[in-house]
C-alpha atoms as a PDB file:
ATOM      1  CA  UNK A   1      18.049  -5.623  -5.299  1.00  0.00           C
ATOM      2  CA  UNK A   2      15.972  -6.461  -2.141  1.00  0.00           C
ATOM      3  CA  UNK A   3      15.150  -2.445  -1.602  1.00  0.00           C
ATOM      4  CA  UNK A   4      12.587  -2.935  -5.272  1.00  0.00           C
ATOM      5  CA  UNK A   5      10.759  -5.532  -2.915  1.00  0.00           C
ATOM      6  CA  UNK A   6      11.048  -4.530   0.831  1.00  0.00           C
ATOM      7  CA  UNK A   7       9.023  -6.347   3.268  1.00  0.00           C
ATOM      8  CA  UNK A   8       8.199  -6.499   7.252  1.00  0.00           C
ATOM      9  CA  UNK A   9      12.155  -6.289   7.568  1.00  0.00           C
ATOM     10  CA  UNK A  10      12.410  -2.961   6.038  1.00  0.00           C
ATOM     11  CA  UNK A  11       9.000  -1.550   7.535  1.00  0.00           C
ATOM     12  CA  UNK A  12      10.119  -2.407  10.677  1.00  0.00           C
ATOM     13  CA  UNK A  13      14.020  -2.336  10.997  1.00  0.00           C
ATOM     14  CA  UNK A  14      14.523   0.614   8.893  1.00  0.00           C
ATOM     15  CA  UNK A  15      11.794   2.532   9.426  1.00  0.00           C
ATOM     16  CA  UNK A  16      14.437   5.254  11.372  1.00  0.00           C
ATOM     17  CA  UNK A  17      16.773   5.212   8.547  1.00  0.00           C
ATOM     18  CA  UNK A  18      14.468   7.133   6.801  1.00  0.00           C
ATOM     19  CA  UNK A  19      12.774   4.406   4.293  1.00  0.00           C
ATOM     20  CA  UNK A  20      10.039   4.490   4.204  1.00  0.00           C
ATOM     21  CA  UNK A  21       9.642   7.954   4.351  1.00  0.00           C
ATOM     22  CA  UNK A  22      11.658   7.597   1.401  1.00  0.00           C
ATOM     23  CA  UNK A  23       8.779   5.292  -0.491  1.00  0.00           C
ATOM     24  CA  UNK A  24       6.126   7.649   0.933  1.00  0.00           C
ATOM     25  CA  UNK A  25       7.746  10.527  -1.136  1.00  0.00           C
ATOM     26  CA  UNK A  26       8.026   8.610  -4.312  1.00  0.00           C
ATOM     27  CA  UNK A  27      11.906   8.870  -3.848  1.00  0.00           C
ATOM     28  CA  UNK A  28      12.293   5.146  -3.801  1.00  0.00           C
ATOM     29  CA  UNK A  29      12.321   2.457  -6.601  1.00  0.00           C
ATOM     30  CA  UNK A  30      10.544   0.200  -4.609  1.00  0.00           C
ATOM     31  CA  UNK A  31       7.818  -1.992  -7.128  1.00  0.00           C
ATOM     32  CA  UNK A  32       5.889  -4.334  -4.688  1.00  0.00           C
ATOM     33  CA  UNK A  33       5.692  -3.817  -1.044  1.00  0.00           C
ATOM     34  CA  UNK A  34       5.000  -6.831   0.449  1.00  0.00           C
ATOM     35  CA  UNK A  35       2.688  -7.152   3.474  1.00  0.00           C
ATOM     36  CA  UNK A  36       3.015 -10.539   4.558  1.00  0.00           C
ATOM     37  CA  UNK A  37       3.688  -9.870   7.838  1.00  0.00           C
ATOM     38  CA  UNK A  38       0.349  -8.576   8.689  1.00  0.00           C
ATOM     39  CA  UNK A  39      -2.521 -10.283  10.697  1.00  0.00           C
ATOM     40  CA  UNK A  40      -5.022  -9.921   7.600  1.00  0.00           C
ATOM     41  CA  UNK A  41      -6.180  -8.295   4.484  1.00  0.00           C
ATOM     42  CA  UNK A  42      -7.568  -5.310   6.190  1.00  0.00           C
ATOM     43  CA  UNK A  43      -4.836  -4.957   8.234  1.00  0.00           C
ATOM     44  CA  UNK A  44      -2.440  -4.853   5.044  1.00  0.00           C
ATOM     45  CA  UNK A  45      -5.208  -2.206   3.371  1.00  0.00           C
ATOM     46  CA  UNK A  46      -4.432  -0.207   6.996  1.00  0.00           C
ATOM     47  CA  UNK A  47      -0.783  -0.239   6.442  1.00  0.00           C
ATOM     48  CA  UNK A  48      -0.876   0.832   2.697  1.00  0.00           C
ATOM     49  CA  UNK A  49      -3.091   3.973   3.639  1.00  0.00           C
ATOM     50  CA  UNK A  50      -0.836   4.951   6.212  1.00  0.00           C
ATOM     51  CA  UNK A  51       2.120   4.801   3.351  1.00  0.00           C
ATOM     52  CA  UNK A  52       0.142   6.340   1.026  1.00  0.00           C
ATOM     53  CA  UNK A  53       0.127   3.601  -1.427  1.00  0.00           C
ATOM     54  CA  UNK A  54      -3.536   2.858  -1.115  1.00  0.00           C
ATOM     55  CA  UNK A  55      -5.361   3.712  -4.724  1.00  0.00           C
ATOM     56  CA  UNK A  56      -8.682   2.210  -4.320  1.00  0.00           C
ATOM     57  CA  UNK A  57     -11.393   4.214  -4.180  1.00  0.00           C
ATOM     58  CA  UNK A  58     -13.540   3.960  -0.650  1.00  0.00           C
ATOM     59  CA  UNK A  59     -16.604   2.201  -2.193  1.00  0.00           C
ATOM     60  CA  UNK A  60     -14.145  -0.108  -3.976  1.00  0.00           C
ATOM     61  CA  UNK A  61     -12.432  -1.522  -0.935  1.00  0.00           C
ATOM     62  CA  UNK A  62     -14.713  -4.334   0.272  1.00  0.00           C
ATOM     63  CA  UNK A  63     -14.901  -5.617  -4.061  1.00  0.00           C
ATOM     64  CA  UNK A  64     -11.030  -5.416  -3.749  1.00  0.00           C
ATOM     65  CA  UNK A  65     -10.566  -6.863  -0.317  1.00  0.00           C
ATOM     66  CA  UNK A  66     -12.653 -10.182  -1.471  1.00  0.00           C
ATOM     67  CA  UNK A  67     -10.528 -10.997  -4.082  1.00  0.00           C
ATOM     68  CA  UNK A  68     -12.737  -9.623  -7.010  1.00  0.00           C
ATOM     69  CA  UNK A  69     -10.892  -9.606 -10.435  1.00  0.00           C
ATOM     70  CA  UNK A  70     -10.598  -5.806 -12.128  1.00  0.00           C
ATOM     71  CA  UNK A  71      -9.455  -6.696 -15.774  1.00  0.00           C
ATOM     72  CA  UNK A  72     -11.986  -4.865 -17.941  1.00  0.00           C
ATOM     73  CA  UNK A  73     -10.662  -0.856 -18.518  1.00  0.00           C
ATOM     74  CA  UNK A  74     -14.055   0.540 -17.182  1.00  0.00           C
ATOM     75  CA  UNK A  75     -13.611  -1.077 -13.892  1.00  0.00           C
ATOM     76  CA  UNK A  76      -9.754  -0.226 -13.075  1.00  0.00           C
ATOM     77  CA  UNK A  77     -10.422   3.496 -14.287  1.00  0.00           C
ATOM     78  CA  UNK A  78     -13.901   3.748 -11.441  1.00  0.00           C
ATOM     79  CA  UNK A  79     -12.220   1.789  -9.065  1.00  0.00           C
ATOM     80  CA  UNK A  80      -8.590   3.520  -8.418  1.00  0.00           C
ATOM     81  CA  UNK A  81      -7.541   6.608  -8.041  1.00  0.00           C
ATOM     82  CA  UNK A  82      -4.895   8.608  -9.800  1.00  0.00           C
ATOM     83  CA  UNK A  83      -3.297  10.006  -6.497  1.00  0.00           C
ATOM     84  CA  UNK A  84      -3.350   7.672  -2.801  1.00  0.00           C
ATOM     85  CA  UNK A  85      -5.337   9.338  -0.439  1.00  0.00           C
ATOM     86  CA  UNK A  86      -3.284   8.835   3.298  1.00  0.00           C
ATOM     87  CA  UNK A  87      -5.196   7.449   6.319  1.00  0.00           C
ATOM     88  CA  UNK A  88      -3.258   7.838   9.242  1.00  0.00           C
ATOM     89  CA  UNK A  89      -4.147   4.464  11.034  1.00  0.00           C
ATOM     90  CA  UNK A  90      -1.160   4.118  13.690  1.00  0.00           C
ATOM     91  CA  UNK A  91       0.590   6.724  15.467  1.00  0.00           C
ATOM     92  CA  UNK A  92       4.763   6.742  14.132  1.00  0.00           C
END
């Protein structure tokens, strides 16, 4: 099902029908949200933050954006938030 792996088409085409709000509220079973349509990593992070899908602590963002590998449980526990922090970057 394409809705389990949404991307730019979903974000831009279905936004007015509430699809993105469903994802933000946790009412949609999306497994991965593809951000291949954004300009760069910093832009991807902003969209994830806007959608309430970014679970990385601020002090770890530069490490994660530099493709660091987090494999040890102690690292993932210290870098990840239990609940996403929503930061508004775009007017919607």
